[in-house]
Amino acid sequence: MLGTDPKIVFGQLYFSDTWQSIFWVDNSIILWGIGLGLALALRSRWAIALCCAALLHLGLDLMLHHDD
């Protein structure tokens, strides 16, 4: 995306089916929660940190971008 005009990125590409399908998976509280459960079961510190960070990000997104 380097060199692409931000107006194109946020005015066109952001709303494309491809990008929205990625966001649909990446912004899934259920999937990150399952990931956290697996990370806890495996006692993987890096995976626990990753999943907690993702869930924190999603929680903040809900508060800040609920009307987007």
Protein backbone atom coordinates (compact mmCIF):
# COMPACT_ATOMS: atom_id res chain seq x y z
CA MET A 1 0.00 0.00 0.00
CA LEU A 2 3.06 2.19 0.11
CA GLY A 3 2.65 5.09 -2.25
CA THR A 4 -1.12 4.68 -2.58
CA ASP A 5 -3.06 7.86 -1.99
CA PRO A 6 -4.84 7.68 1.40
CA LYS A 7 -8.05 8.85 -0.30
CA ILE A 8 -7.99 5.68 -2.41
CA VAL A 9 -7.13 3.46 0.56
CA PHE A 10 -9.83 4.82 2.88
CA GLY A 11 -12.34 5.87 0.23
CA GLN A 12 -12.31 2.77 -2.00
CA LEU A 13 -10.08 -0.10 -0.91
CA TYR A 14 -11.23 -0.07 2.72
CA PHE A 15 -14.81 -0.80 1.64
CA SER A 16 -13.92 -3.51 -0.90
CA ASP A 17 -15.21 -7.04 -0.31
CA THR A 18 -11.64 -8.33 0.06
CA TRP A 19 -10.68 -5.90 2.81
CA GLN A 20 -14.00 -6.28 4.61
CA SER A 21 -13.65 -10.08 4.67
CA ILE A 22 -10.21 -9.72 6.26
CA PHE A 23 -11.57 -7.29 8.87
CA TRP A 24 -14.50 -9.63 9.54
CA VAL A 25 -12.09 -12.37 10.63
CA ASP A 26 -9.47 -10.13 12.24
CA ASN A 27 -12.05 -8.22 14.29
CA SER A 28 -13.77 -11.31 15.68
CA ILE A 29 -13.96 -11.27 19.47
CA ILE A 30 -15.05 -14.90 19.37
CA LEU A 31 -12.01 -16.04 17.34
CA TRP A 32 -9.55 -14.07 19.49
CA GLY A 33 -11.26 -15.47 22.61
CA ILE A 34 -10.84 -19.01 21.29
CA GLY A 35 -7.23 -18.17 20.50
CA LEU A 36 -6.73 -16.93 24.05
CA GLY A 37 -8.24 -20.12 25.43
CA LEU A 38 -5.85 -22.21 23.33
CA ALA A 39 -2.91 -20.01 24.28
CA LEU A 40 -3.75 -20.41 27.96
CA ALA A 41 -4.12 -24.18 27.57
CA LEU A 42 -0.73 -24.35 25.84
CA ARG A 43 0.81 -21.88 28.31
CA SER A 44 2.26 -19.91 25.42
CA ARG A 45 3.23 -16.53 26.83
CA TRP A 46 3.67 -14.85 23.45
CA ALA A 47 0.31 -16.16 22.19
CA ILE A 48 -1.43 -15.06 25.40
CA ALA A 49 0.06 -11.57 24.98
CA LEU A 50 -0.97 -11.45 21.31
CA CYS A 51 -4.55 -12.52 21.99
CA CYS A 52 -4.91 -10.17 24.97
CA ALA A 53 -3.58 -7.29 22.87
CA ALA A 54 -6.02 -8.12 20.07
CA LEU A 55 -8.95 -8.29 22.50
CA LEU A 56 -7.92 -4.98 24.10
CA HIS A 57 -7.71 -3.41 20.64
CA LEU A 58 -11.18 -4.71 19.76
CA GLY A 59 -12.62 -3.43 23.03
CA LEU A 60 -11.22 0.03 22.37
CA ASP A 61 -12.43 -0.11 18.76
CA LEU A 62 -15.97 -0.84 19.97
CA MET A 63 -15.90 2.23 22.19
CA LEU A 64 -14.26 4.55 19.67
CA HIS A 65 -15.59 3.30 16.32
CA HIS A 66 -19.02 1.88 17.14
CA ASP A 67 -20.70 4.09 14.55
CA ASP A 68 -18.25 3.53 11.68
